[in-house]
N, C-alpha and C. Protein backbone atom coordinates (compact mmCIF):
# COMPACT_ATOMS: atom_id res chain seq x y z
N MET A 1 118.98 131.44 33.39
CA MET A 1 120.25 130.72 33.46
C MET A 1 121.11 131.07 32.26
N GLY A 2 122.41 131.04 32.47
CA GLY A 2 123.33 131.27 31.37
C GLY A 2 123.54 130.00 30.56
N ALA A 3 124.56 129.98 29.75
CA ALA A 3 124.86 128.82 28.93
C ALA A 3 125.48 127.71 29.76
N ALA A 4 125.14 126.47 29.45
CA ALA A 4 125.72 125.34 30.16
C ALA A 4 127.21 125.26 29.86
N LEU A 5 127.99 124.90 30.89
CA LEU A 5 129.44 124.84 30.71
C LEU A 5 129.89 123.55 30.03
N ALA A 6 129.15 122.46 30.22
CA ALA A 6 129.61 121.18 29.69
C ALA A 6 128.41 120.32 29.34
N LEU A 7 128.61 119.41 28.39
CA LEU A 7 127.54 118.51 27.99
C LEU A 7 127.42 117.34 28.96
N ALA A 8 128.52 116.90 29.55
CA ALA A 8 128.49 115.77 30.46
C ALA A 8 127.75 116.15 31.74
N LYS A 9 126.90 115.24 32.22
CA LYS A 9 126.17 115.48 33.47
C LYS A 9 127.12 115.33 34.65
N ILE A 10 126.97 116.20 35.63
CA ILE A 10 127.79 116.09 36.83
C ILE A 10 126.87 115.95 38.04
N THR A 11 127.40 115.42 39.10
CA THR A 11 126.61 115.21 40.32
C THR A 11 126.57 116.51 41.13
N PRO A 12 125.60 116.61 42.05
CA PRO A 12 125.59 117.77 42.95
C PRO A 12 126.90 117.91 43.73
N GLU A 13 127.47 116.80 44.14
CA GLU A 13 128.73 116.84 44.88
C GLU A 13 129.86 117.40 44.04
N GLU A 14 129.90 117.00 42.76
CA GLU A 14 130.92 117.53 41.85
C GLU A 14 130.70 119.03 41.62
N TYR A 15 129.44 119.43 41.49
CA TYR A 15 129.14 120.86 41.34
C TYR A 15 129.63 121.65 42.54
N LEU A 16 129.31 121.19 43.75
CA LEU A 16 129.71 121.93 44.94
C LEU A 16 131.23 122.01 45.05
N HIS A 17 131.92 120.93 44.72
CA HIS A 17 133.38 120.95 44.75
C HIS A 17 133.91 121.99 43.77
N PHE A 18 133.36 122.01 42.55
CA PHE A 18 133.75 122.99 41.53
C PHE A 18 133.42 124.41 41.99
N GLU A 19 132.19 124.60 42.49
CA GLU A 19 131.70 125.94 42.81
C GLU A 19 132.48 126.56 43.96
N ARG A 20 132.85 125.74 44.94
CA ARG A 20 133.56 126.26 46.10
C ARG A 20 134.98 126.69 45.77
N GLN A 21 135.48 126.31 44.61
CA GLN A 21 136.81 126.74 44.18
C GLN A 21 136.75 127.80 43.09
N SER A 22 135.55 128.06 42.57
CA SER A 22 135.40 128.98 41.45
C SER A 22 135.40 130.44 41.92
N GLU A 23 135.95 131.31 41.08
CA GLU A 23 135.94 132.74 41.37
C GLU A 23 134.65 133.40 40.89
N THR A 24 133.87 132.70 40.07
CA THR A 24 132.58 133.21 39.60
C THR A 24 131.48 132.26 40.06
N LYS A 25 130.23 132.75 40.00
CA LYS A 25 129.10 131.97 40.50
C LYS A 25 128.41 131.22 39.36
N HIS A 26 127.87 130.05 39.71
CA HIS A 26 127.16 129.22 38.75
C HIS A 26 125.93 128.61 39.40
N GLU A 27 124.85 128.49 38.63
CA GLU A 27 123.71 127.71 39.06
C GLU A 27 123.93 126.27 38.64
N TYR A 28 123.19 125.38 39.29
CA TYR A 28 123.27 123.95 38.95
C TYR A 28 121.86 123.40 38.87
N PHE A 29 121.58 122.65 37.79
CA PHE A 29 120.30 121.98 37.68
C PHE A 29 120.41 120.80 36.73
N ASP A 30 119.88 119.67 37.15
CA ASP A 30 119.77 118.49 36.30
C ASP A 30 121.10 118.09 35.67
N GLY A 31 122.16 118.12 36.49
CA GLY A 31 123.46 117.67 36.03
C GLY A 31 124.28 118.67 35.26
N GLU A 32 123.78 119.90 35.12
CA GLU A 32 124.51 120.92 34.37
C GLU A 32 124.76 122.14 35.23
N ILE A 33 125.87 122.82 34.95
CA ILE A 33 126.16 124.08 35.64
C ILE A 33 126.05 125.23 34.64
N PHE A 34 125.58 126.38 35.13
CA PHE A 34 125.30 127.52 34.28
C PHE A 34 125.97 128.75 34.87
N ALA A 35 126.81 129.41 34.06
CA ALA A 35 127.48 130.63 34.51
C ALA A 35 126.45 131.73 34.70
N MET A 36 126.63 132.52 35.75
CA MET A 36 125.73 133.62 36.04
C MET A 36 126.36 134.93 35.57
N ALA A 37 125.53 135.77 34.95
CA ALA A 37 126.02 137.06 34.43
C ALA A 37 126.23 138.05 35.57
N GLY A 38 127.07 139.04 35.32
CA GLY A 38 127.26 140.11 36.29
C GLY A 38 126.05 141.01 36.36
N ALA A 39 126.04 141.93 37.32
CA ALA A 39 124.90 142.81 37.54
C ALA A 39 125.23 144.24 37.12
N SER A 40 124.19 144.99 36.73
CA SER A 40 124.36 146.39 36.39
C SER A 40 124.56 147.22 37.65
N ARG A 41 125.00 148.45 37.46
CA ARG A 41 125.18 149.38 38.60
C ARG A 41 123.84 149.63 39.30
N ARG A 42 122.78 149.77 38.52
CA ARG A 42 121.45 150.00 39.09
C ARG A 42 121.02 148.80 39.96
N HIS A 43 121.26 147.61 39.44
CA HIS A 43 120.96 146.38 40.18
C HIS A 43 121.72 146.37 41.50
N CYS A 44 123.00 146.72 41.45
CA CYS A 44 123.83 146.71 42.68
C CYS A 44 123.33 147.73 43.70
N LYS A 45 122.89 148.90 43.24
CA LYS A 45 122.37 149.91 44.17
C LYS A 45 121.11 149.41 44.87
N ILE A 46 120.20 148.82 44.09
CA ILE A 46 118.96 148.30 44.67
C ILE A 46 119.26 147.21 45.68
N SER A 47 120.16 146.31 45.33
CA SER A 47 120.54 145.22 46.24
C SER A 47 121.13 145.76 47.54
N ALA A 48 122.04 146.73 47.42
CA ALA A 48 122.66 147.33 48.61
C ALA A 48 121.61 148.03 49.48
N ASN A 49 120.67 148.73 48.84
CA ASN A 49 119.61 149.41 49.58
C ASN A 49 118.74 148.41 50.35
N LEU A 50 118.45 147.29 49.72
CA LEU A 50 117.64 146.26 50.38
C LEU A 50 118.36 145.70 51.61
N ILE A 51 119.63 145.36 51.44
CA ILE A 51 120.39 144.80 52.57
C ILE A 51 120.47 145.82 53.70
N TYR A 52 120.75 147.07 53.38
CA TYR A 52 120.83 148.13 54.39
C TYR A 52 119.50 148.27 55.12
N THR A 53 118.40 148.32 54.37
CA THR A 53 117.08 148.51 54.96
C THR A 53 116.70 147.34 55.86
N PHE A 54 116.87 146.11 55.36
CA PHE A 54 116.48 144.94 56.16
C PHE A 54 117.38 144.77 57.37
N THR A 55 118.67 145.06 57.24
CA THR A 55 119.57 144.93 58.39
C THR A 55 119.11 145.84 59.52
N GLY A 56 118.69 147.06 59.19
CA GLY A 56 118.18 147.97 60.21
C GLY A 56 116.90 147.46 60.84
N LYS A 57 116.01 146.91 60.04
CA LYS A 57 114.74 146.42 60.55
C LYS A 57 114.92 145.16 61.42
N PHE A 58 115.99 144.41 61.18
CA PHE A 58 116.15 143.13 61.86
C PHE A 58 116.96 143.20 63.15
N LYS A 59 117.40 144.38 63.53
CA LYS A 59 118.17 144.49 64.78
C LYS A 59 117.32 143.98 65.95
N GLY A 60 117.92 143.11 66.76
CA GLY A 60 117.22 142.57 67.92
C GLY A 60 116.25 141.44 67.60
N THR A 61 116.28 140.93 66.37
CA THR A 61 115.40 139.82 65.99
C THR A 61 116.25 138.62 65.56
N SER A 62 115.57 137.52 65.24
CA SER A 62 116.28 136.33 64.75
C SER A 62 116.39 136.32 63.23
N CYS A 63 116.00 137.41 62.57
CA CYS A 63 115.99 137.45 61.11
C CYS A 63 117.33 137.97 60.57
N ASN A 64 117.68 137.49 59.38
CA ASN A 64 118.91 137.91 58.70
C ASN A 64 118.61 138.16 57.23
N ALA A 65 119.34 139.10 56.64
CA ALA A 65 119.27 139.37 55.20
C ALA A 65 120.64 139.09 54.59
N TYR A 66 120.65 138.36 53.48
CA TYR A 66 121.89 138.00 52.80
C TYR A 66 121.84 138.49 51.36
N ALA A 67 122.97 139.00 50.89
CA ALA A 67 123.09 139.39 49.49
C ALA A 67 123.34 138.15 48.64
N ASN A 68 123.57 138.35 47.35
CA ASN A 68 123.54 137.25 46.39
C ASN A 68 124.74 136.31 46.37
N ASP A 69 125.57 136.33 47.38
CA ASP A 69 126.68 135.37 47.42
C ASP A 69 126.36 134.15 48.27
N PHE A 70 125.14 134.08 48.81
CA PHE A 70 124.72 132.94 49.63
C PHE A 70 123.85 132.03 48.76
N ARG A 71 124.25 130.77 48.64
CA ARG A 71 123.59 129.83 47.75
C ARG A 71 122.36 129.21 48.42
N VAL A 72 121.32 128.94 47.62
CA VAL A 72 120.12 128.24 48.07
C VAL A 72 119.98 126.96 47.26
N LYS A 73 119.62 125.87 47.95
CA LYS A 73 119.30 124.63 47.26
C LYS A 73 117.81 124.35 47.44
N ILE A 74 117.13 124.09 46.34
CA ILE A 74 115.75 123.65 46.41
C ILE A 74 115.80 122.13 46.40
N LYS A 75 115.60 121.53 47.56
CA LYS A 75 115.74 120.08 47.70
C LYS A 75 114.83 119.31 46.75
N GLU A 76 113.61 119.81 46.61
CA GLU A 76 112.60 119.09 45.83
C GLU A 76 112.94 119.02 44.35
N THR A 77 113.63 120.02 43.82
CA THR A 77 113.95 120.03 42.39
C THR A 77 115.45 119.94 42.13
N ARG A 78 116.25 120.03 43.19
CA ARG A 78 117.71 119.93 43.12
C ARG A 78 118.36 121.08 42.34
N LEU A 79 117.70 122.23 42.35
CA LEU A 79 118.31 123.44 41.78
C LEU A 79 119.15 124.11 42.85
N TYR A 80 120.38 124.47 42.49
CA TYR A 80 121.24 125.33 43.32
C TYR A 80 121.28 126.68 42.64
N THR A 81 121.02 127.75 43.39
CA THR A 81 120.96 129.07 42.78
C THR A 81 121.34 130.15 43.79
N TYR A 82 121.52 131.36 43.29
CA TYR A 82 121.91 132.50 44.12
C TYR A 82 120.85 133.61 43.98
N PRO A 83 119.83 133.62 44.83
CA PRO A 83 118.86 134.73 44.77
C PRO A 83 119.56 136.05 45.06
N ASP A 84 118.97 137.14 44.58
CA ASP A 84 119.58 138.45 44.81
C ASP A 84 119.60 138.81 46.29
N VAL A 85 118.53 138.53 47.00
CA VAL A 85 118.47 138.74 48.45
C VAL A 85 117.71 137.58 49.07
N ILE A 86 118.22 137.10 50.20
CA ILE A 86 117.59 136.01 50.96
C ILE A 86 117.30 136.52 52.35
N ILE A 87 116.11 136.20 52.86
CA ILE A 87 115.78 136.52 54.25
C ILE A 87 115.44 135.23 54.98
N THR A 88 116.04 135.09 56.15
CA THR A 88 115.74 133.96 57.03
C THR A 88 115.31 134.51 58.38
N CYS A 89 114.54 133.73 59.09
CA CYS A 89 114.18 134.06 60.47
C CYS A 89 114.21 132.76 61.27
N GLY A 90 114.83 132.79 62.43
CA GLY A 90 114.95 131.58 63.24
C GLY A 90 116.11 130.72 62.78
N LYS A 91 116.05 129.45 63.10
CA LYS A 91 117.15 128.52 62.83
C LYS A 91 117.30 128.26 61.34
N GLU A 92 118.51 128.42 60.86
CA GLU A 92 118.79 128.18 59.45
C GLU A 92 119.21 126.73 59.24
N SER A 93 118.63 126.12 58.21
CA SER A 93 118.97 124.75 57.83
C SER A 93 119.96 124.81 56.67
N LEU A 94 121.14 124.21 56.87
CA LEU A 94 122.22 124.26 55.88
C LEU A 94 122.51 122.86 55.37
N GLU A 95 122.97 122.79 54.12
CA GLU A 95 123.11 121.47 53.49
C GLU A 95 124.21 120.61 54.12
N ASP A 96 125.35 121.20 54.45
CA ASP A 96 126.45 120.39 54.97
C ASP A 96 127.30 121.24 55.91
N GLN A 97 128.44 120.69 56.31
CA GLN A 97 129.29 121.34 57.31
C GLN A 97 129.99 122.58 56.78
N VAL A 98 130.03 122.77 55.47
CA VAL A 98 130.65 123.98 54.92
C VAL A 98 129.78 125.20 55.20
N LYS A 99 128.48 124.98 55.36
CA LYS A 99 127.52 126.03 55.77
C LYS A 99 127.44 127.18 54.78
N ASP A 100 127.47 126.85 53.48
CA ASP A 100 127.35 127.89 52.46
C ASP A 100 126.15 127.67 51.54
N THR A 101 125.27 126.72 51.90
CA THR A 101 124.10 126.42 51.08
C THR A 101 122.88 126.31 51.97
N LEU A 102 121.95 127.25 51.80
CA LEU A 102 120.75 127.34 52.64
C LEU A 102 119.63 126.50 52.06
N LEU A 103 118.87 125.85 52.96
CA LEU A 103 117.75 125.01 52.55
C LEU A 103 116.39 125.62 52.89
N ASN A 104 116.33 126.56 53.82
CA ASN A 104 115.02 127.02 54.32
C ASN A 104 114.85 128.55 54.32
N PRO A 105 114.93 129.18 53.16
CA PRO A 105 114.67 130.63 53.14
C PRO A 105 113.22 130.93 53.47
N LEU A 106 112.99 132.06 54.11
CA LEU A 106 111.63 132.54 54.39
C LEU A 106 111.14 133.43 53.25
N ILE A 107 112.03 134.28 52.75
CA ILE A 107 111.71 135.21 51.67
C ILE A 107 112.84 135.20 50.65
N LEU A 108 112.50 135.18 49.37
CA LEU A 108 113.49 135.30 48.30
C LEU A 108 113.14 136.51 47.46
N ILE A 109 114.16 137.29 47.11
CA ILE A 109 113.97 138.52 46.33
C ILE A 109 114.84 138.46 45.08
N GLU A 110 114.22 138.75 43.94
CA GLU A 110 114.96 138.85 42.69
C GLU A 110 114.77 140.25 42.11
N ILE A 111 115.85 140.85 41.63
CA ILE A 111 115.83 142.15 40.97
C ILE A 111 115.78 141.88 39.47
N LEU A 112 114.70 142.27 38.85
CA LEU A 112 114.44 141.91 37.46
C LEU A 112 115.32 142.69 36.50
N SER A 113 115.68 142.02 35.40
CA SER A 113 116.36 142.68 34.29
C SER A 113 115.86 142.02 33.01
N PRO A 114 116.06 142.65 31.85
CA PRO A 114 115.57 142.06 30.60
C PRO A 114 116.07 140.64 30.37
N SER A 115 117.30 140.34 30.79
CA SER A 115 117.86 139.02 30.53
C SER A 115 117.37 137.96 31.51
N THR A 116 116.82 138.36 32.66
CA THR A 116 116.41 137.36 33.66
C THR A 116 114.92 137.35 33.96
N GLU A 117 114.18 138.37 33.52
CA GLU A 117 112.79 138.52 33.99
C GLU A 117 111.92 137.31 33.65
N LYS A 118 112.00 136.81 32.44
CA LYS A 118 111.18 135.67 32.05
C LYS A 118 111.49 134.45 32.94
N TYR A 119 112.75 134.19 33.17
CA TYR A 119 113.16 133.07 34.02
C TYR A 119 112.73 133.28 35.46
N ASP A 120 112.93 134.50 35.99
CA ASP A 120 112.57 134.78 37.38
C ASP A 120 111.07 134.63 37.61
N ARG A 121 110.26 135.04 36.64
CA ARG A 121 108.81 134.93 36.77
C ARG A 121 108.29 133.52 36.49
N GLY A 122 109.01 132.79 35.68
CA GLY A 122 108.52 131.49 35.22
C GLY A 122 109.17 130.30 35.91
N LYS A 123 110.19 129.74 35.25
CA LYS A 123 110.79 128.51 35.75
C LYS A 123 111.40 128.65 37.14
N LYS A 124 112.04 129.79 37.40
CA LYS A 124 112.67 129.95 38.70
C LYS A 124 111.62 130.02 39.80
N PHE A 125 110.53 130.74 39.57
CA PHE A 125 109.46 130.80 40.56
C PHE A 125 108.83 129.43 40.75
N ALA A 126 108.74 128.64 39.69
CA ALA A 126 108.22 127.28 39.82
C ALA A 126 109.10 126.45 40.75
N HIS A 127 110.41 126.61 40.63
CA HIS A 127 111.33 125.95 41.56
C HIS A 127 111.11 126.47 42.98
N TYR A 128 111.08 127.79 43.12
CA TYR A 128 110.95 128.39 44.45
C TYR A 128 109.67 127.98 45.16
N ARG A 129 108.60 127.79 44.42
CA ARG A 129 107.32 127.40 45.04
C ARG A 129 107.39 126.05 45.72
N GLN A 130 108.40 125.26 45.38
CA GLN A 130 108.55 123.93 46.00
C GLN A 130 109.22 124.00 47.37
N ILE A 131 109.75 125.16 47.75
CA ILE A 131 110.43 125.29 49.04
C ILE A 131 109.38 125.46 50.13
N GLU A 132 109.30 124.50 51.01
CA GLU A 132 108.25 124.49 52.03
C GLU A 132 108.30 125.71 52.94
N SER A 133 109.50 126.18 53.25
CA SER A 133 109.65 127.30 54.19
C SER A 133 109.34 128.66 53.55
N LEU A 134 109.33 128.74 52.22
CA LEU A 134 109.20 130.03 51.54
C LEU A 134 107.79 130.59 51.71
N GLN A 135 107.71 131.81 52.22
CA GLN A 135 106.42 132.48 52.43
C GLN A 135 106.18 133.64 51.48
N ASN A 136 107.23 134.33 51.07
CA ASN A 136 107.09 135.46 50.14
C ASN A 136 108.15 135.39 49.06
N TYR A 137 107.74 135.69 47.84
CA TYR A 137 108.65 135.85 46.72
C TYR A 137 108.46 137.27 46.21
N VAL A 138 109.56 138.03 46.14
CA VAL A 138 109.49 139.45 45.84
C VAL A 138 110.27 139.74 44.55
N LEU A 139 109.61 140.45 43.63
CA LEU A 139 110.23 140.85 42.37
C LEU A 139 110.34 142.37 42.34
N ILE A 140 111.53 142.86 42.03
CA ILE A 140 111.80 144.29 42.04
C ILE A 140 112.29 144.73 40.67
N SER A 141 111.61 145.71 40.10
CA SER A 141 111.97 146.22 38.78
C SER A 141 113.20 147.12 38.86
N GLN A 142 114.05 147.06 37.83
CA GLN A 142 115.14 148.02 37.68
C GLN A 142 114.75 149.19 36.80
N GLU A 143 113.68 149.03 36.04
CA GLU A 143 113.33 150.00 35.01
C GLU A 143 112.37 151.08 35.48
N GLU A 144 111.68 150.84 36.59
CA GLU A 144 110.74 151.78 37.16
C GLU A 144 110.53 151.41 38.62
N PRO A 145 110.02 152.34 39.46
CA PRO A 145 109.78 151.99 40.85
C PRO A 145 108.54 151.09 40.99
N ARG A 146 108.77 149.78 40.97
CA ARG A 146 107.68 148.80 41.04
C ARG A 146 108.15 147.57 41.80
N ILE A 147 107.38 147.17 42.79
CA ILE A 147 107.69 145.96 43.58
C ILE A 147 106.46 145.07 43.59
N GLU A 148 106.69 143.78 43.36
CA GLU A 148 105.63 142.77 43.40
C GLU A 148 105.95 141.78 44.51
N VAL A 149 104.94 141.41 45.26
CA VAL A 149 105.10 140.43 46.34
C VAL A 149 104.10 139.30 46.13
N PHE A 150 104.61 138.08 46.12
CA PHE A 150 103.76 136.89 46.09
C PHE A 150 103.77 136.29 47.49
N GLN A 151 102.58 136.06 48.04
CA GLN A 151 102.44 135.55 49.41
C GLN A 151 101.77 134.19 49.38
N ARG A 152 102.45 133.19 49.97
CA ARG A 152 101.89 131.84 50.03
C ARG A 152 100.63 131.82 50.90
N GLN A 153 99.60 131.12 50.43
CA GLN A 153 98.36 130.94 51.17
C GLN A 153 98.26 129.49 51.66
N ASN A 154 97.37 129.25 52.59
CA ASN A 154 97.23 127.91 53.17
C ASN A 154 96.80 126.86 52.15
N ASP A 155 96.12 127.27 51.09
CA ASP A 155 95.61 126.32 50.10
C ASP A 155 96.56 126.14 48.91
N ALA A 156 97.84 126.45 49.10
CA ALA A 156 98.88 126.33 48.07
C ALA A 156 98.71 127.36 46.95
N GLN A 157 97.83 128.31 47.14
CA GLN A 157 97.70 129.43 46.20
C GLN A 157 98.69 130.53 46.63
N TRP A 158 98.92 131.48 45.72
CA TRP A 158 99.79 132.61 46.02
C TRP A 158 99.03 133.90 45.79
N LEU A 159 98.99 134.75 46.79
CA LEU A 159 98.34 136.05 46.71
C LEU A 159 99.34 137.06 46.13
N PHE A 160 98.88 137.88 45.19
CA PHE A 160 99.74 138.83 44.50
C PHE A 160 99.47 140.24 44.99
N LEU A 161 100.53 140.96 45.38
CA LEU A 161 100.46 142.36 45.78
C LEU A 161 101.43 143.14 44.91
N GLU A 162 101.08 144.38 44.57
CA GLU A 162 101.97 145.20 43.74
C GLU A 162 101.84 146.66 44.13
N LYS A 163 102.98 147.36 44.15
CA LYS A 163 102.98 148.80 44.37
C LYS A 163 103.90 149.46 43.35
N ASN A 164 103.46 150.61 42.84
CA ASN A 164 104.22 151.41 41.88
C ASN A 164 104.39 152.81 42.43
N GLY A 165 105.52 153.44 42.14
CA GLY A 165 105.72 154.83 42.52
C GLY A 165 106.50 154.99 43.81
N LEU A 166 107.40 155.96 43.81
CA LEU A 166 108.28 156.17 44.95
C LEU A 166 107.54 156.60 46.22
N GLU A 167 106.34 157.10 46.07
CA GLU A 167 105.59 157.57 47.24
C GLU A 167 104.94 156.41 48.01
N ASN A 168 105.01 155.20 47.48
CA ASN A 168 104.31 154.07 48.08
C ASN A 168 105.22 153.16 48.90
N SER A 169 104.58 152.34 49.72
CA SER A 169 105.24 151.26 50.47
C SER A 169 104.46 149.99 50.21
N ILE A 170 105.13 148.85 50.39
CA ILE A 170 104.46 147.57 50.20
C ILE A 170 104.75 146.68 51.40
N GLU A 171 103.76 145.91 51.80
CA GLU A 171 103.92 145.03 52.95
C GLU A 171 104.65 143.75 52.54
N ILE A 172 105.57 143.33 53.40
CA ILE A 172 106.21 142.03 53.26
C ILE A 172 105.61 141.18 54.40
N PRO A 173 104.55 140.43 54.13
CA PRO A 173 103.77 139.82 55.20
C PRO A 173 104.55 138.85 56.09
N ALA A 174 105.47 138.09 55.53
CA ALA A 174 106.16 137.06 56.31
C ALA A 174 106.97 137.64 57.46
N ILE A 175 107.38 138.90 57.34
CA ILE A 175 108.15 139.53 58.42
C ILE A 175 107.41 140.73 58.99
N ASN A 176 106.14 140.88 58.57
CA ASN A 176 105.27 141.91 59.13
C ASN A 176 105.93 143.30 59.09
N CYS A 177 106.42 143.66 57.92
CA CYS A 177 107.04 144.99 57.80
C CYS A 177 106.65 145.64 56.49
N MET A 178 106.70 146.96 56.50
CA MET A 178 106.43 147.74 55.29
C MET A 178 107.78 148.12 54.66
N LEU A 179 107.85 147.97 53.37
CA LEU A 179 109.06 148.29 52.62
C LEU A 179 108.76 149.52 51.77
N SER A 180 109.46 150.60 52.04
CA SER A 180 109.27 151.86 51.32
C SER A 180 109.99 151.81 49.98
N LEU A 181 109.29 152.14 48.91
CA LEU A 181 109.94 152.17 47.60
C LEU A 181 110.99 153.26 47.54
N THR A 182 110.83 154.32 48.33
CA THR A 182 111.85 155.36 48.39
C THR A 182 113.16 154.81 48.93
N GLU A 183 113.09 153.93 49.94
CA GLU A 183 114.30 153.31 50.49
C GLU A 183 114.92 152.35 49.49
N VAL A 184 114.10 151.55 48.85
CA VAL A 184 114.60 150.55 47.91
C VAL A 184 115.32 151.20 46.73
N TYR A 185 114.76 152.32 46.25
CA TYR A 185 115.29 152.97 45.05
C TYR A 185 116.13 154.21 45.38
N ASP A 186 116.62 154.32 46.60
CA ASP A 186 117.45 155.46 46.98
C ASP A 186 118.66 155.58 46.04
N LYS A 187 118.87 156.77 45.45
CA LYS A 187 119.98 157.08 44.55
C LYS A 187 119.96 156.29 43.24
N VAL A 188 118.81 155.70 42.91
CA VAL A 188 118.68 155.01 41.62
C VAL A 188 118.14 156.00 40.60
N ASP A 189 118.86 156.19 39.50
CA ASP A 189 118.48 157.13 38.46
C ASP A 189 117.85 156.35 37.30
N PHE A 190 116.54 156.51 37.13
CA PHE A 190 115.83 155.79 36.07
C PHE A 190 116.05 156.43 34.69
N ASN A 191 116.70 157.58 34.66
CA ASN A 191 116.94 158.27 33.39
C ASN A 191 118.31 158.01 32.82
N ASP A 192 119.14 157.25 33.55
CA ASP A 192 120.48 156.99 33.00
C ASP A 192 120.38 155.92 31.90
N ASP A 193 121.48 155.73 31.23
CA ASP A 193 121.48 154.79 30.09
C ASP A 193 122.20 153.49 30.43
N LEU A 194 121.96 152.99 31.64
CA LEU A 194 122.61 151.74 32.05
C LEU A 194 122.16 150.60 31.16
N GLU A 195 123.10 149.73 30.85
CA GLU A 195 122.74 148.49 30.19
C GLU A 195 122.25 147.55 31.29
N LEU A 196 120.97 147.21 31.24
CA LEU A 196 120.40 146.37 32.29
C LEU A 196 120.71 144.92 32.01
N ARG A 197 121.22 144.23 33.05
CA ARG A 197 121.51 142.81 32.91
C ARG A 197 120.76 142.05 33.97
């Protein structure tokens, strides 16, 4: 999370009113709103590759892939956030009539960067684990071809899968598909000097 905008606590309703008029994105938690940083070029390429790949795989199904402008609310912890990629299958549950806040993601994907990795692996994943519908949490490195998948088990445990190297693919169990690291990292140059955010 970025820096809090104000010391005074605000309600979720006040946050949504503010956010729906804002030109930039903010997370909300425990009465505070947090400005979100922009993304690097490498991050944007990976995100675009993911949306392109999943959109092709989802043709003729009830599944959808959304980029990071679609908000998710974790009802149990009252965090509002913008995952890098959201996947839904079947009927989507939305918070209100504006239909811009999802309650039941099936898969959430975060593209790691030095400024967000600790949060994405720690507190954010702790929030995400409270979402009853969530079956897979996927972490994608910007610094090397590496994808990690956490899969919910029946006993509230999470199974960890990891693949490294462009020659590999990794299973996304909740949608029964293989994700090729070559597709995810298409046109991503790991030798450039991008400032990772």
